[in-house]
N, C-alpha and C. Protein backbone atom coordinates (compact mmCIF):
# COMPACT_ATOMS: atom_id res chain seq x y z
N MET A 1 169.09 144.19 -104.13
CA MET A 1 169.98 143.43 -104.97
C MET A 1 170.52 142.25 -104.17
N LYS A 2 170.44 141.05 -104.71
CA LYS A 2 170.97 139.86 -104.05
C LYS A 2 172.42 139.67 -104.49
N THR A 3 173.31 139.54 -103.51
CA THR A 3 174.73 139.38 -103.78
C THR A 3 175.11 137.91 -103.65
N PRO A 4 175.77 137.31 -104.67
CA PRO A 4 176.09 135.88 -104.62
C PRO A 4 177.31 135.58 -103.74
N LEU A 5 177.21 135.97 -102.48
CA LEU A 5 178.30 135.76 -101.53
C LEU A 5 177.80 135.02 -100.30
N ILE A 6 178.69 134.27 -99.69
CA ILE A 6 178.43 133.73 -98.37
C ILE A 6 179.36 134.49 -97.43
N ILE A 7 178.75 135.14 -96.46
CA ILE A 7 179.53 135.99 -95.56
C ILE A 7 179.49 135.42 -94.14
N SER A 8 180.24 136.04 -93.26
CA SER A 8 180.20 135.74 -91.84
C SER A 8 180.03 137.06 -91.11
N ILE A 9 179.60 136.98 -89.87
CA ILE A 9 179.48 138.19 -89.07
C ILE A 9 180.47 138.12 -87.91
N SER A 10 180.70 139.25 -87.27
CA SER A 10 181.81 139.34 -86.32
C SER A 10 181.51 138.90 -84.90
N SER A 11 180.23 138.73 -84.54
CA SER A 11 179.92 138.47 -83.14
C SER A 11 178.67 137.60 -83.02
N HIS A 12 178.12 137.52 -81.81
CA HIS A 12 176.91 136.73 -81.57
C HIS A 12 175.65 137.58 -81.73
N PHE A 13 175.80 138.80 -82.22
CA PHE A 13 174.68 139.67 -82.55
C PHE A 13 175.07 140.52 -83.76
N LEU A 14 174.06 141.09 -84.41
CA LEU A 14 174.34 141.92 -85.58
C LEU A 14 174.71 143.33 -85.17
N LYS A 15 175.83 143.80 -85.67
CA LYS A 15 176.24 145.18 -85.44
C LYS A 15 175.59 146.05 -86.52
N VAL A 16 175.52 147.33 -86.29
CA VAL A 16 174.83 148.26 -87.20
C VAL A 16 175.33 148.13 -88.65
N PRO A 17 176.65 148.12 -88.91
CA PRO A 17 177.09 147.98 -90.31
C PRO A 17 176.65 146.65 -90.93
N GLU A 18 176.60 145.59 -90.12
CA GLU A 18 176.17 144.29 -90.63
C GLU A 18 174.68 144.31 -90.96
N LYS A 19 173.90 144.96 -90.13
CA LYS A 19 172.46 145.10 -90.41
C LYS A 19 172.25 145.82 -91.74
N LYS A 20 172.99 146.89 -91.95
CA LYS A 20 172.90 147.65 -93.20
C LYS A 20 173.30 146.78 -94.39
N TYR A 21 174.35 145.98 -94.21
CA TYR A 21 174.81 145.12 -95.29
C TYR A 21 173.73 144.11 -95.67
N PHE A 22 173.15 143.43 -94.68
CA PHE A 22 172.09 142.46 -94.97
C PHE A 22 170.90 143.13 -95.65
N LYS A 23 170.52 144.28 -95.16
CA LYS A 23 169.35 144.98 -95.72
C LYS A 23 169.60 145.42 -97.15
N ASN A 24 170.78 145.93 -97.43
CA ASN A 24 171.08 146.49 -98.75
C ASN A 24 171.53 145.46 -99.78
N PHE A 25 172.32 144.47 -99.37
CA PHE A 25 172.94 143.58 -100.35
C PHE A 25 172.35 142.18 -100.42
N LYS A 26 171.60 141.77 -99.42
CA LYS A 26 170.92 140.47 -99.43
C LYS A 26 171.88 139.35 -99.86
N PRO A 27 172.90 139.03 -99.05
CA PRO A 27 173.85 138.00 -99.45
C PRO A 27 173.17 136.64 -99.61
N PHE A 28 173.76 135.80 -100.40
CA PHE A 28 173.23 134.45 -100.63
C PHE A 28 173.18 133.67 -99.33
N GLY A 29 174.25 133.79 -98.52
CA GLY A 29 174.29 133.03 -97.29
C GLY A 29 175.14 133.69 -96.23
N CYS A 30 174.95 133.20 -95.01
CA CYS A 30 175.75 133.64 -93.87
C CYS A 30 176.17 132.39 -93.11
N ILE A 31 177.47 132.24 -92.87
CA ILE A 31 177.98 131.07 -92.16
C ILE A 31 178.34 131.46 -90.73
N PHE A 32 177.92 130.63 -89.79
CA PHE A 32 178.18 130.86 -88.38
C PHE A 32 179.40 130.05 -87.94
N PHE A 33 180.18 130.66 -87.05
CA PHE A 33 181.31 130.01 -86.41
C PHE A 33 181.12 130.14 -84.89
N SER A 34 182.06 129.68 -84.11
CA SER A 34 181.93 129.70 -82.64
C SER A 34 181.64 131.10 -82.11
N ARG A 35 182.24 132.11 -82.71
CA ARG A 35 182.04 133.48 -82.22
C ARG A 35 180.59 133.94 -82.36
N ASN A 36 179.82 133.26 -83.18
CA ASN A 36 178.43 133.65 -83.43
C ASN A 36 177.43 132.89 -82.57
N ILE A 37 177.88 131.88 -81.83
CA ILE A 37 176.97 130.98 -81.14
C ILE A 37 177.33 130.88 -79.66
N ILE A 38 176.39 131.32 -78.79
CA ILE A 38 176.64 131.17 -77.35
C ILE A 38 175.54 130.39 -76.64
N SER A 39 174.35 130.35 -77.23
CA SER A 39 173.26 129.57 -76.64
C SER A 39 172.21 129.29 -77.73
N ILE A 40 171.29 128.41 -77.42
CA ILE A 40 170.23 128.10 -78.37
C ILE A 40 169.36 129.33 -78.62
N ASP A 41 168.91 129.97 -77.55
CA ASP A 41 168.03 131.14 -77.71
C ASP A 41 168.72 132.27 -78.46
N GLN A 42 169.97 132.53 -78.13
CA GLN A 42 170.72 133.59 -78.82
C GLN A 42 170.87 133.26 -80.30
N THR A 43 171.15 132.00 -80.62
CA THR A 43 171.33 131.58 -82.01
C THR A 43 170.03 131.74 -82.80
N LYS A 44 168.92 131.31 -82.19
CA LYS A 44 167.62 131.46 -82.85
C LYS A 44 167.31 132.94 -83.09
N LYS A 45 167.61 133.78 -82.11
CA LYS A 45 167.35 135.22 -82.25
C LYS A 45 168.22 135.84 -83.35
N LEU A 46 169.47 135.45 -83.41
CA LEU A 46 170.37 135.97 -84.44
C LEU A 46 169.89 135.57 -85.84
N ILE A 47 169.50 134.32 -85.99
CA ILE A 47 168.98 133.87 -87.29
C ILE A 47 167.72 134.64 -87.65
N LYS A 48 166.83 134.83 -86.69
CA LYS A 48 165.59 135.57 -86.92
C LYS A 48 165.90 137.01 -87.36
N ASN A 49 166.86 137.65 -86.69
CA ASN A 49 167.22 139.03 -87.04
C ASN A 49 167.80 139.12 -88.45
N ILE A 50 168.58 138.14 -88.85
CA ILE A 50 169.12 138.13 -90.22
C ILE A 50 167.98 137.95 -91.21
N LYS A 51 167.07 137.02 -90.92
CA LYS A 51 165.95 136.72 -91.83
C LYS A 51 165.00 137.91 -91.98
N ILE A 52 164.86 138.71 -90.94
CA ILE A 52 164.02 139.91 -91.03
C ILE A 52 164.61 140.88 -92.06
N LEU A 53 165.93 141.01 -92.04
CA LEU A 53 166.61 141.93 -92.96
C LEU A 53 166.77 141.37 -94.36
N SER A 54 166.92 140.06 -94.44
CA SER A 54 167.20 139.41 -95.73
C SER A 54 166.58 138.01 -95.72
N PRO A 55 165.27 137.91 -95.98
CA PRO A 55 164.54 136.65 -95.81
C PRO A 55 165.08 135.46 -96.62
N LYS A 56 165.68 135.71 -97.75
CA LYS A 56 166.14 134.59 -98.60
C LYS A 56 167.59 134.18 -98.32
N THR A 57 168.27 134.89 -97.44
CA THR A 57 169.64 134.53 -97.10
C THR A 57 169.64 133.19 -96.39
N LEU A 58 170.46 132.26 -96.88
CA LEU A 58 170.59 130.95 -96.25
C LEU A 58 171.56 131.06 -95.07
N ILE A 59 171.28 130.32 -94.01
CA ILE A 59 172.13 130.35 -92.83
C ILE A 59 172.84 129.00 -92.71
N PHE A 60 174.16 129.04 -92.63
CA PHE A 60 174.98 127.84 -92.55
C PHE A 60 175.76 127.83 -91.24
N VAL A 61 176.24 126.65 -90.88
CA VAL A 61 177.13 126.55 -89.73
C VAL A 61 178.21 125.53 -90.06
N ASP A 62 179.42 125.84 -89.65
CA ASP A 62 180.54 124.91 -89.82
C ASP A 62 180.56 124.02 -88.58
N GLN A 63 179.83 122.90 -88.64
CA GLN A 63 179.68 121.99 -87.50
C GLN A 63 180.00 120.57 -87.92
N GLU A 64 181.02 120.00 -87.34
CA GLU A 64 181.38 118.61 -87.62
C GLU A 64 181.26 117.75 -86.37
N SER A 65 181.38 118.39 -85.21
CA SER A 65 181.50 117.75 -83.91
C SER A 65 182.92 117.26 -83.76
N GLY A 66 183.23 116.65 -82.64
CA GLY A 66 184.62 116.27 -82.40
C GLY A 66 185.48 117.50 -82.29
N ILE A 67 186.46 117.65 -83.16
CA ILE A 67 187.38 118.78 -83.12
C ILE A 67 186.67 120.08 -83.47
N VAL A 68 185.81 120.07 -84.48
CA VAL A 68 185.08 121.26 -84.91
C VAL A 68 183.69 121.21 -84.29
N ASP A 69 183.52 121.91 -83.16
CA ASP A 69 182.26 121.87 -82.42
C ASP A 69 181.81 123.29 -82.10
N ARG A 70 180.81 123.76 -82.82
CA ARG A 70 180.30 125.12 -82.61
C ARG A 70 179.24 125.17 -81.50
N PHE A 71 178.78 124.00 -81.06
CA PHE A 71 177.71 123.93 -80.07
C PHE A 71 178.20 123.24 -78.80
N LYS A 72 179.23 123.79 -78.19
CA LYS A 72 179.84 123.19 -77.01
C LYS A 72 178.85 123.06 -75.86
N PHE A 73 177.84 123.90 -75.84
CA PHE A 73 176.84 123.89 -74.77
C PHE A 73 175.80 122.79 -74.94
N CYS A 74 175.75 122.14 -76.08
CA CYS A 74 174.71 121.15 -76.37
C CYS A 74 175.28 119.73 -76.25
N LYS A 75 174.98 119.07 -75.14
CA LYS A 75 175.53 117.73 -74.88
C LYS A 75 175.04 116.70 -75.90
N ASN A 76 173.90 116.93 -76.52
CA ASN A 76 173.36 115.97 -77.49
C ASN A 76 174.08 116.03 -78.84
N LEU A 77 175.00 116.97 -78.99
CA LEU A 77 175.77 117.06 -80.23
C LEU A 77 177.24 116.73 -79.99
N LYS A 78 177.52 115.91 -79.00
CA LYS A 78 178.89 115.48 -78.72
C LYS A 78 179.13 114.13 -79.38
N PHE A 79 180.03 114.13 -80.35
CA PHE A 79 180.35 112.91 -81.09
C PHE A 79 181.86 112.78 -81.21
N MET A 80 182.30 111.61 -81.64
CA MET A 80 183.72 111.40 -81.91
C MET A 80 184.13 112.32 -83.07
N ASP A 81 185.42 112.62 -83.12
CA ASP A 81 185.88 113.38 -84.29
C ASP A 81 185.93 112.43 -85.49
N ASN A 82 185.95 113.00 -86.68
CA ASN A 82 185.84 112.22 -87.91
C ASN A 82 186.97 111.22 -88.12
N PHE A 83 188.14 111.51 -87.61
CA PHE A 83 189.26 110.57 -87.78
C PHE A 83 188.97 109.27 -87.03
N LYS A 84 188.31 109.36 -85.88
CA LYS A 84 187.96 108.14 -85.13
C LYS A 84 186.93 107.31 -85.90
N TYR A 85 186.00 107.97 -86.59
CA TYR A 85 185.06 107.23 -87.44
C TYR A 85 185.82 106.53 -88.57
N TYR A 86 186.81 107.19 -89.11
CA TYR A 86 187.62 106.58 -90.17
C TYR A 86 188.36 105.35 -89.64
N LYS A 87 188.95 105.47 -88.46
CA LYS A 87 189.66 104.31 -87.89
C LYS A 87 188.69 103.16 -87.61
N LEU A 88 187.49 103.49 -87.15
CA LEU A 88 186.48 102.47 -86.94
C LEU A 88 186.08 101.83 -88.27
N TYR A 89 185.97 102.64 -89.31
CA TYR A 89 185.61 102.14 -90.65
C TYR A 89 186.61 101.09 -91.14
N LEU A 90 187.86 101.31 -90.84
CA LEU A 90 188.89 100.34 -91.26
C LEU A 90 188.70 98.99 -90.58
N LYS A 91 188.07 98.98 -89.41
CA LYS A 91 187.83 97.73 -88.67
C LYS A 91 186.45 97.15 -88.92
N ASP A 92 185.45 98.04 -89.01
CA ASP A 92 184.06 97.58 -89.10
C ASP A 92 183.26 98.58 -89.95
N LYS A 93 183.24 98.37 -91.26
CA LYS A 93 182.61 99.31 -92.20
C LYS A 93 181.13 99.54 -91.87
N LYS A 94 180.41 98.47 -91.62
CA LYS A 94 178.97 98.57 -91.37
C LYS A 94 178.68 99.41 -90.12
N LYS A 95 179.39 99.16 -89.06
CA LYS A 95 179.18 99.90 -87.81
C LYS A 95 179.54 101.38 -88.00
N ALA A 96 180.65 101.66 -88.66
CA ALA A 96 181.07 103.04 -88.87
C ALA A 96 180.05 103.80 -89.71
N LYS A 97 179.57 103.18 -90.77
CA LYS A 97 178.56 103.84 -91.62
C LYS A 97 177.30 104.12 -90.83
N TYR A 98 176.88 103.18 -90.02
CA TYR A 98 175.67 103.36 -89.21
C TYR A 98 175.86 104.51 -88.20
N LEU A 99 177.01 104.55 -87.54
CA LEU A 99 177.26 105.61 -86.57
C LEU A 99 177.33 106.99 -87.23
N VAL A 100 177.93 107.07 -88.40
CA VAL A 100 177.98 108.35 -89.13
C VAL A 100 176.58 108.77 -89.55
N PHE A 101 175.77 107.81 -89.98
CA PHE A 101 174.38 108.11 -90.32
C PHE A 101 173.65 108.68 -89.10
N LEU A 102 173.78 108.02 -87.95
CA LEU A 102 173.12 108.50 -86.73
C LEU A 102 173.61 109.89 -86.34
N LYS A 103 174.92 110.08 -86.41
CA LYS A 103 175.49 111.40 -86.09
C LYS A 103 174.89 112.47 -87.00
N SER A 104 174.80 112.18 -88.29
CA SER A 104 174.25 113.14 -89.25
C SER A 104 172.77 113.40 -89.00
N PHE A 105 172.03 112.36 -88.71
CA PHE A 105 170.60 112.48 -88.45
C PHE A 105 170.34 113.34 -87.20
N ILE A 106 171.05 113.04 -86.12
CA ILE A 106 170.88 113.79 -84.87
C ILE A 106 171.31 115.24 -85.05
N THR A 107 172.44 115.45 -85.71
CA THR A 107 172.92 116.81 -85.94
C THR A 107 171.93 117.61 -86.76
N SER A 108 171.40 117.03 -87.82
CA SER A 108 170.45 117.76 -88.67
C SER A 108 169.17 118.09 -87.90
N TYR A 109 168.73 117.18 -87.04
CA TYR A 109 167.54 117.43 -86.21
C TYR A 109 167.76 118.67 -85.33
N TYR A 110 168.88 118.71 -84.65
CA TYR A 110 169.15 119.84 -83.75
C TYR A 110 169.38 121.14 -84.53
N LEU A 111 170.11 121.07 -85.63
CA LEU A 111 170.35 122.29 -86.40
C LEU A 111 169.04 122.87 -86.93
N LYS A 112 168.13 122.01 -87.35
CA LYS A 112 166.82 122.51 -87.80
C LYS A 112 166.09 123.17 -86.63
N ASN A 113 166.16 122.56 -85.46
CA ASN A 113 165.53 123.14 -84.27
C ASN A 113 166.12 124.50 -83.91
N PHE A 114 167.42 124.67 -84.13
CA PHE A 114 168.08 125.92 -83.83
C PHE A 114 167.74 127.02 -84.85
N GLY A 115 167.22 126.60 -86.01
CA GLY A 115 166.83 127.59 -87.03
C GLY A 115 167.67 127.56 -88.28
N PHE A 116 168.61 126.64 -88.38
CA PHE A 116 169.43 126.54 -89.59
C PHE A 116 168.67 125.86 -90.69
């Protein structure tokens, strides 16, 4: 049975009750936070383990960079926080839009590589 919920897990690995939940209820999605992410390899393994139990479950991450940074170990995902982009936008709309586009493009590239 597929459950129309987006859930989170408690750690950087699946605990036995969480494995049972994924296997039995097949949630719509699982969102990752800092507690779930310690390295690229660990993140890929965690996503793979979820997909084995529930192949159609979508995997999400709350990643904005700046203040909200779930990938502190990844130097290529270090960007200004969104308020600084806003302040830049007030001075130079074209430059701010371009930088936000680049930030989004780079972030999506890495998140896809990580398995999201």
